[in-house]
Amino acid sequence: MRVFVEAALVRHAAKHATPRDIGELRDALEANRAAIARQEHAREVLETAHPPRREHDAEGVPPAWR
């Protein structure tokens, strides 16, 4: 459903957009790309900041501490 709505919006914009509208769309797209990049960077930071959990032996001691 979303694909059809977005396609209709793009078609309408292509037929009726003014140069100002195009500039606003360009700015919004750039802001969206920047937000995605920040989100991906944040995900990478979280994945590397917290090392995976290590296996523990029966007494709850990580193998590296033995």
Protein backbone atom coordinates (compact mmCIF):
# COMPACT_ATOMS: atom_id res chain seq x y z
CA MET A 1 0.00 0.00 0.00
CA ARG A 2 2.77 2.42 0.95
CA VAL A 3 4.44 1.97 -2.45
CA PHE A 4 1.27 3.06 -4.25
CA VAL A 5 0.79 6.12 -2.04
CA GLU A 6 4.42 7.17 -2.43
CA ALA A 7 4.27 6.68 -6.20
CA ALA A 8 1.16 8.86 -6.40
CA LEU A 9 2.84 11.57 -4.32
CA VAL A 10 5.92 11.52 -6.54
CA ARG A 11 3.79 11.68 -9.68
CA HIS A 12 1.84 14.63 -8.31
CA ALA A 13 5.03 16.44 -7.26
CA ALA A 14 6.59 15.88 -10.69
CA LYS A 15 3.59 17.45 -12.40
CA HIS A 16 2.95 20.36 -10.03
CA ALA A 17 6.15 21.20 -8.14
CA THR A 18 7.61 24.69 -8.28
CA PRO A 19 11.35 25.36 -8.09
CA ARG A 20 10.82 26.30 -4.44
CA ASP A 21 9.06 22.96 -3.79
CA ILE A 22 11.95 21.10 -5.40
CA GLY A 23 14.43 22.96 -3.16
CA GLU A 24 12.42 22.08 -0.05
CA LEU A 25 12.25 18.45 -1.13
CA ARG A 26 16.02 18.45 -1.73
CA ASP A 27 16.60 19.85 1.78
CA ALA A 28 14.26 17.31 3.34
CA LEU A 29 15.97 14.45 1.49
CA GLU A 30 19.40 15.61 2.65
CA ALA A 31 18.17 15.84 6.26
CA ASN A 32 16.75 12.32 5.93
CA ARG A 33 20.04 10.96 4.58
CA ALA A 34 21.94 12.60 7.44
CA ALA A 35 19.55 11.09 9.99
CA ILE A 36 20.03 7.62 8.48
CA ALA A 37 23.80 8.03 8.60
CA ARG A 38 23.64 9.08 12.26
CA GLN A 39 21.42 6.11 13.05
CA GLU A 40 23.78 3.69 11.31
CA HIS A 41 26.75 5.25 13.09
CA ALA A 42 24.99 4.96 16.45
CA ARG A 43 24.24 1.28 15.77
CA GLU A 44 27.92 0.64 14.96
CA VAL A 45 29.02 2.42 18.12
CA LEU A 46 26.65 0.37 20.25
CA GLU A 47 27.71 -2.88 18.62
CA THR A 48 31.40 -2.18 19.19
CA ALA A 49 31.08 -0.51 22.60
CA HIS A 50 29.55 -3.56 24.26
CA PRO A 51 31.54 -6.73 23.64
CA PRO A 52 29.52 -9.91 23.23
CA ARG A 53 28.76 -11.83 26.38
CA ARG A 54 31.31 -14.46 27.19
CA GLU A 55 30.55 -17.99 28.13
CA HIS A 56 30.75 -18.72 31.86
CA ASP A 57 31.60 -21.97 33.55
CA ALA A 58 29.34 -23.69 36.07
CA GLU A 59 30.53 -21.37 38.83
CA GLY A 60 29.81 -18.24 36.79
CA VAL A 61 33.46 -17.45 36.05
CA PRO A 62 34.38 -16.34 32.54
CA PRO A 63 37.05 -18.58 30.95
CA ALA A 64 39.49 -15.66 30.64
CA TRP A 65 39.47 -15.18 34.44
CA ARG A 66 40.55 -18.73 35.25
